[in-house]
C-alpha atoms as a PDB file:
ATOM      1  CA  UNK A   1     115.526 106.416  59.967  1.00  0.00           C
ATOM      2  CA  UNK A   2     115.403 103.237  61.760  1.00  0.00           C
ATOM      3  CA  UNK A   3     112.718 100.246  60.923  1.00  0.00           C
ATOM      4  CA  UNK A   4     110.909  97.814  63.171  1.00  0.00           C
ATOM      5  CA  UNK A   5     111.033  93.830  62.383  1.00  0.00           C
ATOM      6  CA  UNK A   6     107.813  92.222  62.925  1.00  0.00           C
ATOM      7  CA  UNK A   7     107.912  89.528  65.694  1.00  0.00           C
ATOM      8  CA  UNK A   8     107.954  86.114  64.838  1.00  0.00           C
ATOM      9  CA  UNK A   9     105.555  84.184  65.935  1.00  0.00           C
ATOM     10  CA  UNK A  10     107.016  82.694  69.411  1.00  0.00           C
ATOM     11  CA  UNK A  11     107.517  86.214  70.606  1.00  0.00           C
ATOM     12  CA  UNK A  12     104.240  88.074  69.628  1.00  0.00           C
ATOM     13  CA  UNK A  13     102.671  84.255  71.285  1.00  0.00           C
ATOM     14  CA  UNK A  14     105.095  85.563  74.664  1.00  0.00           C
ATOM     15  CA  UNK A  15     103.742  88.775  74.267  1.00  0.00           C
ATOM     16  CA  UNK A  16     100.065  88.160  74.072  1.00  0.00           C
ATOM     17  CA  UNK A  17     100.064  85.520  77.020  1.00  0.00           C
ATOM     18  CA  UNK A  18     101.954  88.318  79.325  1.00  0.00           C
ATOM     19  CA  UNK A  19      99.113  90.843  78.521  1.00  0.00           C
ATOM     20  CA  UNK A  20      96.527  88.437  78.861  1.00  0.00           C
ATOM     21  CA  UNK A  21      98.292  87.168  82.208  1.00  0.00           C
ATOM     22  CA  UNK A  22      98.658  90.777  83.545  1.00  0.00           C
ATOM     23  CA  UNK A  23      94.603  91.454  82.466  1.00  0.00           C
ATOM     24  CA  UNK A  24      94.015  88.261  84.633  1.00  0.00           C
ATOM     25  CA  UNK A  25      95.737  89.355  87.716  1.00  0.00           C
ATOM     26  CA  UNK A  26      93.962  92.713  87.427  1.00  0.00           C
ATOM     27  CA  UNK A  27      90.263  90.996  87.035  1.00  0.00           C
ATOM     28  CA  UNK A  28      91.470  88.725  90.302  1.00  0.00           C
ATOM     29  CA  UNK A  29      92.251  92.154  91.984  1.00  0.00           C
ATOM     30  CA  UNK A  30      89.230  93.038  91.411  1.00  0.00           C
ATOM     31  CA  UNK A  31      86.904  90.601  92.026  1.00  0.00           C
ATOM     32  CA  UNK A  32      88.880  89.674  95.362  1.00  0.00           C
ATOM     33  CA  UNK A  33      88.411  92.941  96.248  1.00  0.00           C
ATOM     34  CA  UNK A  34      84.722  93.937  95.328  1.00  0.00           C
ATOM     35  CA  UNK A  35      82.400  93.906  98.456  1.00  0.00           C
ATOM     36  CA  UNK A  36      80.717  95.714 101.306  1.00  0.00           C
ATOM     37  CA  UNK A  37      84.093  96.891 102.527  1.00  0.00           C
ATOM     38  CA  UNK A  38      85.112  98.345  99.163  1.00  0.00           C
ATOM     39  CA  UNK A  39      81.712 100.008  98.539  1.00  0.00           C
ATOM     40  CA  UNK A  40      82.683 103.374 100.550  1.00  0.00           C
ATOM     41  CA  UNK A  41      85.971 104.853 100.188  1.00  0.00           C
ATOM     42  CA  UNK A  42      86.786 107.054 103.170  1.00  0.00           C
ATOM     43  CA  UNK A  43      86.509 110.809 102.514  1.00  0.00           C
ATOM     44  CA  UNK A  44      89.883 111.422 103.293  1.00  0.00           C
ATOM     45  CA  UNK A  45      93.184 112.161 101.475  1.00  0.00           C
ATOM     46  CA  UNK A  46      95.572 109.656 102.393  1.00  0.00           C
ATOM     47  CA  UNK A  47      99.484 109.353 100.874  1.00  0.00           C
ATOM     48  CA  UNK A  48      99.860 105.852  99.866  1.00  0.00           C
ATOM     49  CA  UNK A  49     103.561 104.427  99.475  1.00  0.00           C
ATOM     50  CA  UNK A  50     104.755 101.320  98.365  1.00  0.00           C
ATOM     51  CA  UNK A  51     107.724  99.705  97.502  1.00  0.00           C
ATOM     52  CA  UNK A  52     109.233  96.086  96.300  1.00  0.00           C
ATOM     53  CA  UNK A  53     112.146  95.004  97.486  1.00  0.00           C
ATOM     54  CA  UNK A  54     115.074  94.136  94.586  1.00  0.00           C
ATOM     55  CA  UNK A  55     114.616  90.422  95.252  1.00  0.00           C
ATOM     56  CA  UNK A  56     110.739  90.291  95.216  1.00  0.00           C
ATOM     57  CA  UNK A  57     110.339  91.870  91.623  1.00  0.00           C
ATOM     58  CA  UNK A  58     110.358  88.731  89.905  1.00  0.00           C
ATOM     59  CA  UNK A  59     107.135  87.746  91.631  1.00  0.00           C
ATOM     60  CA  UNK A  60     105.700  90.902  92.647  1.00  0.00           C
ATOM     61  CA  UNK A  61     105.360  94.084  90.044  1.00  0.00           C
ATOM     62  CA  UNK A  62     105.405  96.931  91.918  1.00  0.00           C
ATOM     63  CA  UNK A  63     103.030  98.620  89.797  1.00  0.00           C
ATOM     64  CA  UNK A  64     100.478  95.141  91.080  1.00  0.00           C
ATOM     65  CA  UNK A  65     101.824  95.711  94.426  1.00  0.00           C
ATOM     66  CA  UNK A  66     100.622  99.234  94.485  1.00  0.00           C
ATOM     67  CA  UNK A  67      97.133  99.004  93.397  1.00  0.00           C
ATOM     68  CA  UNK A  68      96.574  95.911  95.898  1.00  0.00           C
ATOM     69  CA  UNK A  69      97.507  98.068  98.636  1.00  0.00           C
ATOM     70  CA  UNK A  70      95.240 101.506  97.242  1.00  0.00           C
ATOM     71  CA  UNK A  71      92.167  98.747  96.561  1.00  0.00           C
ATOM     72  CA  UNK A  72      92.902  98.216 100.997  1.00  0.00           C
ATOM     73  CA  UNK A  73      93.183 101.112 102.143  1.00  0.00           C
ATOM     74  CA  UNK A  74      89.895 101.968 100.488  1.00  0.00           C
ATOM     75  CA  UNK A  75      90.627 106.203 100.577  1.00  0.00           C
ATOM     76  CA  UNK A  76      90.987 109.175  98.784  1.00  0.00           C
ATOM     77  CA  UNK A  77      94.798 107.692  97.190  1.00  0.00           C
ATOM     78  CA  UNK A  78      97.693 109.762  96.576  1.00  0.00           C
ATOM     79  CA  UNK A  79      99.812 107.265  95.140  1.00  0.00           C
ATOM     80  CA  UNK A  80     103.787 107.618  96.573  1.00  0.00           C
ATOM     81  CA  UNK A  81     106.780 105.900  95.332  1.00  0.00           C
ATOM     82  CA  UNK A  82     108.780 104.721  98.429  1.00  0.00           C
ATOM     83  CA  UNK A  83     108.616 105.516 102.431  1.00  0.00           C
ATOM     84  CA  UNK A  84     106.797 108.793 102.446  1.00  0.00           C
ATOM     85  CA  UNK A  85     107.603 111.994 105.206  1.00  0.00           C
ATOM     86  CA  UNK A  86     105.691 113.920 107.433  1.00  0.00           C
ATOM     87  CA  UNK A  87     106.946 116.700 104.946  1.00  0.00           C
ATOM     88  CA  UNK A  88     105.835 114.509 101.687  1.00  0.00           C
ATOM     89  CA  UNK A  89     102.483 114.852 103.568  1.00  0.00           C
ATOM     90  CA  UNK A  90     101.763 117.985 104.280  1.00  0.00           C
ATOM     91  CA  UNK A  91     103.108 118.801 100.819  1.00  0.00           C
ATOM     92  CA  UNK A  92     100.713 116.462  99.465  1.00  0.00           C
ATOM     93  CA  UNK A  93      97.975 118.072 102.006  1.00  0.00           C
ATOM     94  CA  UNK A  94      96.947 114.464 102.792  1.00  0.00           C
ATOM     95  CA  UNK A  95      95.543 113.781 106.546  1.00  0.00           C
ATOM     96  CA  UNK A  96      97.445 110.237 106.927  1.00  0.00           C
ATOM     97  CA  UNK A  97     100.471 108.554 105.149  1.00  0.00           C
ATOM     98  CA  UNK A  98     100.493 104.800 104.611  1.00  0.00           C
ATOM     99  CA  UNK A  99     103.880 102.900 104.631  1.00  0.00           C
ATOM    100  CA  UNK A 100     103.461  99.147 102.762  1.00  0.00           C
ATOM    101  CA  UNK A 101     106.541  97.553 101.406  1.00  0.00           C
ATOM    102  CA  UNK A 102     106.966  94.085  99.859  1.00  0.00           C
ATOM    103  CA  UNK A 103     109.442  91.573 100.936  1.00  0.00           C
ATOM    104  CA  UNK A 104     110.151  88.072 100.579  1.00  0.00           C
ATOM    105  CA  UNK A 105     109.921  86.079 103.830  1.00  0.00           C
ATOM    106  CA  UNK A 106     112.725  83.299 104.473  1.00  0.00           C
ATOM    107  CA  UNK A 107     111.310  79.953 105.879  1.00  0.00           C
ATOM    108  CA  UNK A 108     113.150  78.506 108.729  1.00  0.00           C
ATOM    109  CA  UNK A 109     114.758  74.839 108.619  1.00  0.00           C
ATOM    110  CA  UNK A 110     112.023  72.409 109.700  1.00  0.00           C
ATOM    111  CA  UNK A 111     109.136  73.763 108.597  1.00  0.00           C
ATOM    112  CA  UNK A 112     106.620  71.724 106.578  1.00  0.00           C
ATOM    113  CA  UNK A 113     106.795  71.831 102.923  1.00  0.00           C
ATOM    114  CA  UNK A 114     104.600  75.157 101.397  1.00  0.00           C
ATOM    115  CA  UNK A 115     103.395  72.952  98.240  1.00  0.00           C
ATOM    116  CA  UNK A 116     105.940  75.727  95.986  1.00  0.00           C
ATOM    117  CA  UNK A 117     104.049  78.891  97.790  1.00  0.00           C
ATOM    118  CA  UNK A 118     106.109  81.728  97.627  1.00  0.00           C
ATOM    119  CA  UNK A 119     106.244  83.162 101.377  1.00  0.00           C
ATOM    120  CA  UNK A 120     106.245  87.307 101.427  1.00  0.00           C
ATOM    121  CA  UNK A 121     105.261  89.764 104.181  1.00  0.00           C
ATOM    122  CA  UNK A 122     104.877  92.929 104.506  1.00  0.00           C
ATOM    123  CA  UNK A 123     104.257  95.735 107.260  1.00  0.00           C
ATOM    124  CA  UNK A 124     101.270  98.525 107.212  1.00  0.00           C
ATOM    125  CA  UNK A 125     102.210 101.556 108.666  1.00  0.00           C
ATOM    126  CA  UNK A 126      99.457 103.733 109.034  1.00  0.00           C
ATOM    127  CA  UNK A 127     100.900 107.864 110.495  1.00  0.00           C
ATOM    128  CA  UNK A 128      98.016 110.863 111.385  1.00  0.00           C
ATOM    129  CA  UNK A 129     100.218 113.253 109.269  1.00  0.00           C
ATOM    130  CA  UNK A 130      98.727 116.152 111.659  1.00  0.00           C
ATOM    131  CA  UNK A 131      99.104 114.275 115.045  1.00  0.00           C
ATOM    132  CA  UNK A 132     102.325 112.862 113.508  1.00  0.00           C
ATOM    133  CA  UNK A 133     100.620 109.874 115.465  1.00  0.00           C
ATOM    134  CA  UNK A 134     101.336 106.451 114.183  1.00  0.00           C
ATOM    135  CA  UNK A 135      98.029 104.820 114.100  1.00  0.00           C
ATOM    136  CA  UNK A 136      98.234 101.457 112.822  1.00  0.00           C
ATOM    137  CA  UNK A 137     101.269  99.294 112.545  1.00  0.00           C
ATOM    138  CA  UNK A 138     100.734  95.612 111.598  1.00  0.00           C
ATOM    139  CA  UNK A 139     103.367  92.855 110.532  1.00  0.00           C
ATOM    140  CA  UNK A 140     101.031  90.763 107.783  1.00  0.00           C
ATOM    141  CA  UNK A 141     102.155  87.091 106.484  1.00  0.00           C
ATOM    142  CA  UNK A 142     101.482  86.869 103.045  1.00  0.00           C
ATOM    143  CA  UNK A 143     101.608  83.499 101.183  1.00  0.00           C
ATOM    144  CA  UNK A 144     100.936  82.724  97.204  1.00  0.00           C
ATOM    145  CA  UNK A 145      98.879  80.347  95.504  1.00  0.00           C
ATOM    146  CA  UNK A 146     100.615  77.229  94.621  1.00  0.00           C
ATOM    147  CA  UNK A 147     102.035  77.175  91.254  1.00  0.00           C
ATOM    148  CA  UNK A 148      99.467  75.118  88.653  1.00  0.00           C
ATOM    149  CA  UNK A 149      96.292  76.107  90.878  1.00  0.00           C
ATOM    150  CA  UNK A 150      93.226  76.121  89.522  1.00  0.00           C
ATOM    151  CA  UNK A 151      93.238  79.805  90.207  1.00  0.00           C
ATOM    152  CA  UNK A 152      96.436  80.583  88.438  1.00  0.00           C
ATOM    153  CA  UNK A 153      94.568  78.761  85.466  1.00  0.00           C
ATOM    154  CA  UNK A 154      96.812  79.115  82.063  1.00  0.00           C
ATOM    155  CA  UNK A 155      98.849  81.573  83.357  1.00  0.00           C
ATOM    156  CA  UNK A 156     101.140  80.273  85.959  1.00  0.00           C
ATOM    157  CA  UNK A 157     104.188  81.349  83.808  1.00  0.00           C
ATOM    158  CA  UNK A 158     103.570  84.823  85.143  1.00  0.00           C
ATOM    159  CA  UNK A 159     104.254  84.888  88.844  1.00  0.00           C
ATOM    160  CA  UNK A 160     101.968  87.655  90.030  1.00  0.00           C
ATOM    161  CA  UNK A 161      99.017  86.237  89.080  1.00  0.00           C
ATOM    162  CA  UNK A 162      99.351  83.606  91.944  1.00  0.00           C
ATOM    163  CA  UNK A 163      99.095  87.000  94.292  1.00  0.00           C
ATOM    164  CA  UNK A 164      96.353  88.710  93.113  1.00  0.00           C
ATOM    165  CA  UNK A 165      93.284  86.618  94.770  1.00  0.00           C
ATOM    166  CA  UNK A 166      94.994  85.852  98.134  1.00  0.00           C
ATOM    167  CA  UNK A 167      96.556  89.128  99.283  1.00  0.00           C
ATOM    168  CA  UNK A 168      93.433  91.075  99.406  1.00  0.00           C
ATOM    169  CA  UNK A 169      91.801  88.294 101.443  1.00  0.00           C
ATOM    170  CA  UNK A 170      95.070  88.008 103.438  1.00  0.00           C
ATOM    171  CA  UNK A 171      94.656  91.948 103.691  1.00  0.00           C
ATOM    172  CA  UNK A 172      91.278  91.974 104.610  1.00  0.00           C
ATOM    173  CA  UNK A 173      91.444  90.483 107.418  1.00  0.00           C
ATOM    174  CA  UNK A 174      93.470  93.439 109.460  1.00  0.00           C
ATOM    175  CA  UNK A 175      91.056  96.228 107.925  1.00  0.00           C
ATOM    176  CA  UNK A 176      92.617  99.592 108.909  1.00  0.00           C
ATOM    177  CA  UNK A 177      90.202 102.057 109.969  1.00  0.00           C
ATOM    178  CA  UNK A 178      89.975 104.692 107.118  1.00  0.00           C
ATOM    179  CA  UNK A 179      86.492 103.823 106.495  1.00  0.00           C
ATOM    180  CA  UNK A 180      85.171 104.774 109.754  1.00  0.00           C
ATOM    181  CA  UNK A 181      86.996 108.145 109.594  1.00  0.00           C
ATOM    182  CA  UNK A 182      84.347 111.326 109.175  1.00  0.00           C
ATOM    183  CA  UNK A 183      83.385 115.279 109.250  1.00  0.00           C
ATOM    184  CA  UNK A 184      81.669 116.844 111.844  1.00  0.00           C
ATOM    185  CA  UNK A 185      78.815 118.252 110.381  1.00  0.00           C
ATOM    186  CA  UNK A 186      76.952 120.329 113.541  1.00  0.00           C
ATOM    187  CA  UNK A 187      77.889 121.151 116.336  1.00  0.00           C
ATOM    188  CA  UNK A 188      75.300 121.595 119.703  1.00  0.00           C
ATOM    189  CA  UNK A 189      77.192 121.953 122.604  1.00  0.00           C
ATOM    190  CA  UNK A 190      77.702 119.796 124.658  1.00  0.00           C
ATOM    191  CA  UNK A 191      77.233 117.178 120.954  1.00  0.00           C
ATOM    192  CA  UNK A 192      78.589 117.254 118.071  1.00  0.00           C
ATOM    193  CA  UNK A 193      76.851 115.507 114.952  1.00  0.00           C
ATOM    194  CA  UNK A 194      79.265 113.367 112.789  1.00  0.00           C
ATOM    195  CA  UNK A 195      78.133 111.704 109.626  1.00  0.00           C
ATOM    196  CA  UNK A 196      77.025 108.337 109.463  1.00  0.00           C
ATOM    197  CA  UNK A 197      79.710 106.154 108.183  1.00  0.00           C
ATOM    198  CA  UNK A 198      77.946 103.233 107.136  1.00  0.00           C
ATOM    199  CA  UNK A 199      76.640 101.613 110.369  1.00  0.00           C
ATOM    200  CA  UNK A 200      80.692 101.333 111.397  1.00  0.00           C
ATOM    201  CA  UNK A 201      80.266 103.335 114.860  1.00  0.00           C
ATOM    202  CA  UNK A 202      78.667 101.890 118.112  1.00  0.00           C
ATOM    203  CA  UNK A 203      77.296 103.410 121.075  1.00  0.00           C
ATOM    204  CA  UNK A 204      80.218 103.795 122.918  1.00  0.00           C
ATOM    205  CA  UNK A 205      82.670 103.947 120.740  1.00  0.00           C
ATOM    206  CA  UNK A 206      85.415 106.858 121.114  1.00  0.00           C
ATOM    207  CA  UNK A 207      86.507 109.405 118.685  1.00  0.00           C
ATOM    208  CA  UNK A 208      88.379 111.769 118.295  1.00  0.00           C
ATOM    209  CA  UNK A 209      88.570 115.176 116.356  1.00  0.00           C
ATOM    210  CA  UNK A 210      91.993 115.602 115.411  1.00  0.00           C
ATOM    211  CA  UNK A 211      91.902 117.974 112.620  1.00  0.00           C
ATOM    212  CA  UNK A 212      90.166 121.352 111.055  1.00  0.00           C
ATOM    213  CA  UNK A 213      88.463 121.149 107.677  1.00  0.00           C
ATOM    214  CA  UNK A 214      91.550 121.803 106.220  1.00  0.00           C
ATOM    215  CA  UNK A 215      93.352 118.803 107.545  1.00  0.00           C
ATOM    216  CA  UNK A 216      94.938 121.600 109.592  1.00  0.00           C
ATOM    217  CA  UNK A 217      96.244 121.191 112.897  1.00  0.00           C
ATOM    218  CA  UNK A 218      94.070 121.382 116.264  1.00  0.00           C
ATOM    219  CA  UNK A 219      94.152 120.571 119.798  1.00  0.00           C
ATOM    220  CA  UNK A 220      93.110 116.990 119.849  1.00  0.00           C
ATOM    221  CA  UNK A 221      88.924 116.480 121.249  1.00  0.00           C
ATOM    222  CA  UNK A 222      87.766 113.297 122.503  1.00  0.00           C
ATOM    223  CA  UNK A 223      83.943 112.576 122.155  1.00  0.00           C
ATOM    224  CA  UNK A 224      81.838 109.766 123.234  1.00  0.00           C
ATOM    225  CA  UNK A 225      79.203 108.225 121.045  1.00  0.00           C
ATOM    226  CA  UNK A 226      75.758 108.241 122.625  1.00  0.00           C
ATOM    227  CA  UNK A 227      73.136 107.506 119.718  1.00  0.00           C
ATOM    228  CA  UNK A 228      72.957 106.842 116.064  1.00  0.00           C
ATOM    229  CA  UNK A 229      70.045 107.463 113.160  1.00  0.00           C
ATOM    230  CA  UNK A 230      70.169 107.281 109.916  1.00  0.00           C
ATOM    231  CA  UNK A 231      72.167 110.049 109.055  1.00  0.00           C
ATOM    232  CA  UNK A 232      74.169 111.340 112.186  1.00  0.00           C
ATOM    233  CA  UNK A 233      76.242 109.921 115.126  1.00  0.00           C
ATOM    234  CA  UNK A 234      75.575 112.288 117.988  1.00  0.00           C
ATOM    235  CA  UNK A 235      78.465 111.922 120.469  1.00  0.00           C
ATOM    236  CA  UNK A 236      79.219 114.015 123.770  1.00  0.00           C
ATOM    237  CA  UNK A 237      82.064 115.949 124.267  1.00  0.00           C
ATOM    238  CA  UNK A 238      83.720 117.591 127.408  1.00  0.00           C
ATOM    239  CA  UNK A 239      82.671 121.428 128.168  1.00  0.00           C
ATOM    240  CA  UNK A 240      84.860 121.410 131.603  1.00  0.00           C
ATOM    241  CA  UNK A 241      87.032 124.472 132.632  1.00  0.00           C
ATOM    242  CA  UNK A 242      86.587 126.097 129.361  1.00  0.00           C
ATOM    243  CA  UNK A 243      87.921 122.715 127.331  1.00  0.00           C
ATOM    244  CA  UNK A 244      88.705 122.689 123.455  1.00  0.00           C
ATOM    245  CA  UNK A 245      85.106 122.623 121.722  1.00  0.00           C
ATOM    246  CA  UNK A 246      84.814 120.622 118.081  1.00  0.00           C
ATOM    247  CA  UNK A 247      83.657 122.725 115.011  1.00  0.00           C
ATOM    248  CA  UNK A 248      81.961 121.624 112.014  1.00  0.00           C
ATOM    249  CA  UNK A 249      84.067 120.261 109.368  1.00  0.00           C
ATOM    250  CA  UNK A 250      86.549 119.145 111.685  1.00  0.00           C
ATOM    251  CA  UNK A 251      87.887 115.327 110.812  1.00  0.00           C
ATOM    252  CA  UNK A 252      87.294 112.589 112.947  1.00  0.00           C
ATOM    253  CA  UNK A 253      88.552 109.557 113.574  1.00  0.00           C
ATOM    254  CA  UNK A 254      88.125 106.210 116.261  1.00  0.00           C
ATOM    255  CA  UNK A 255      90.520 105.486 118.735  1.00  0.00           C
ATOM    256  CA  UNK A 256      91.423 102.229 117.578  1.00  0.00           C
ATOM    257  CA  UNK A 257      92.872  99.072 120.231  1.00  0.00           C
ATOM    258  CA  UNK A 258      95.945  97.379 118.747  1.00  0.00           C
ATOM    259  CA  UNK A 259      94.900  94.838 116.323  1.00  0.00           C
ATOM    260  CA  UNK A 260      94.589  90.874 117.487  1.00  0.00           C
ATOM    261  CA  UNK A 261      97.194  88.780 115.753  1.00  0.00           C
ATOM    262  CA  UNK A 262      95.102  85.739 114.259  1.00  0.00           C
ATOM    263  CA  UNK A 263      95.861  82.606 115.810  1.00  0.00           C
ATOM    264  CA  UNK A 264      98.436  80.277 113.285  1.00  0.00           C
ATOM    265  CA  UNK A 265      95.451  77.656 112.730  1.00  0.00           C
ATOM    266  CA  UNK A 266      93.641  80.403 111.130  1.00  0.00           C
ATOM    267  CA  UNK A 267      96.188  82.120 109.126  1.00  0.00           C
ATOM    268  CA  UNK A 268      98.129  81.031 106.006  1.00  0.00           C
ATOM    269  CA  UNK A 269     101.002  82.191 106.866  1.00  0.00           C
ATOM    270  CA  UNK A 270     103.717  80.871 108.476  1.00  0.00           C
ATOM    271  CA  UNK A 271     103.786  77.410 106.584  1.00  0.00           C
END
């Protein structure tokens, strides 16, 4: 039988400050991620793999980074430790997988002083697990709040609190398309009717039906949005030469264009 020794006042005080700082970090994250973009999680299962390099763990905890990335993805999350494979995604019965590592970013000689900010980076890679296509690939520079800033408050001794506000804001500048992934509800050739997803589709958008109702493989079918009403998006598909036709329940994703990199003047990175 062993007896625990009550902590002395200084140890207890440090533990209380650490718990308070962790709570503050999560509160900052919740505040930063609130808003219209987080109002409608995408109705699609996404395997989310995250990692934090050994060099960066002193400033970013793996748990907080996972929470930040999960909030950014804004779908039905399936957390995964590390870099997932297509086999992992298939076993999880997910339609997509995301890998988002967190690492420190070296500053080049001669660059302007960052006033104590920590430079980091991530690279968001989204893979369609049904088609095997890389749907999104974006490198994102990250810079922490400076030490002693008003945002850190009394918790500046815990480095991860300096990421809880600025990282969600920076990731929001590179939105992934999951909120625009939807399902076909009915088909009346040559039209398919897709669930409206918060006004995120526009007439002329190109969509792709890429998976069956159970996230199963099917020949991809391109559709073009022709009209929008309060409940459904109407999209036309080709019926030439007995082309494959979509079915109710099919997953639909936008055909995306490469994301533009913000100009250096508007970005916090590269200081």
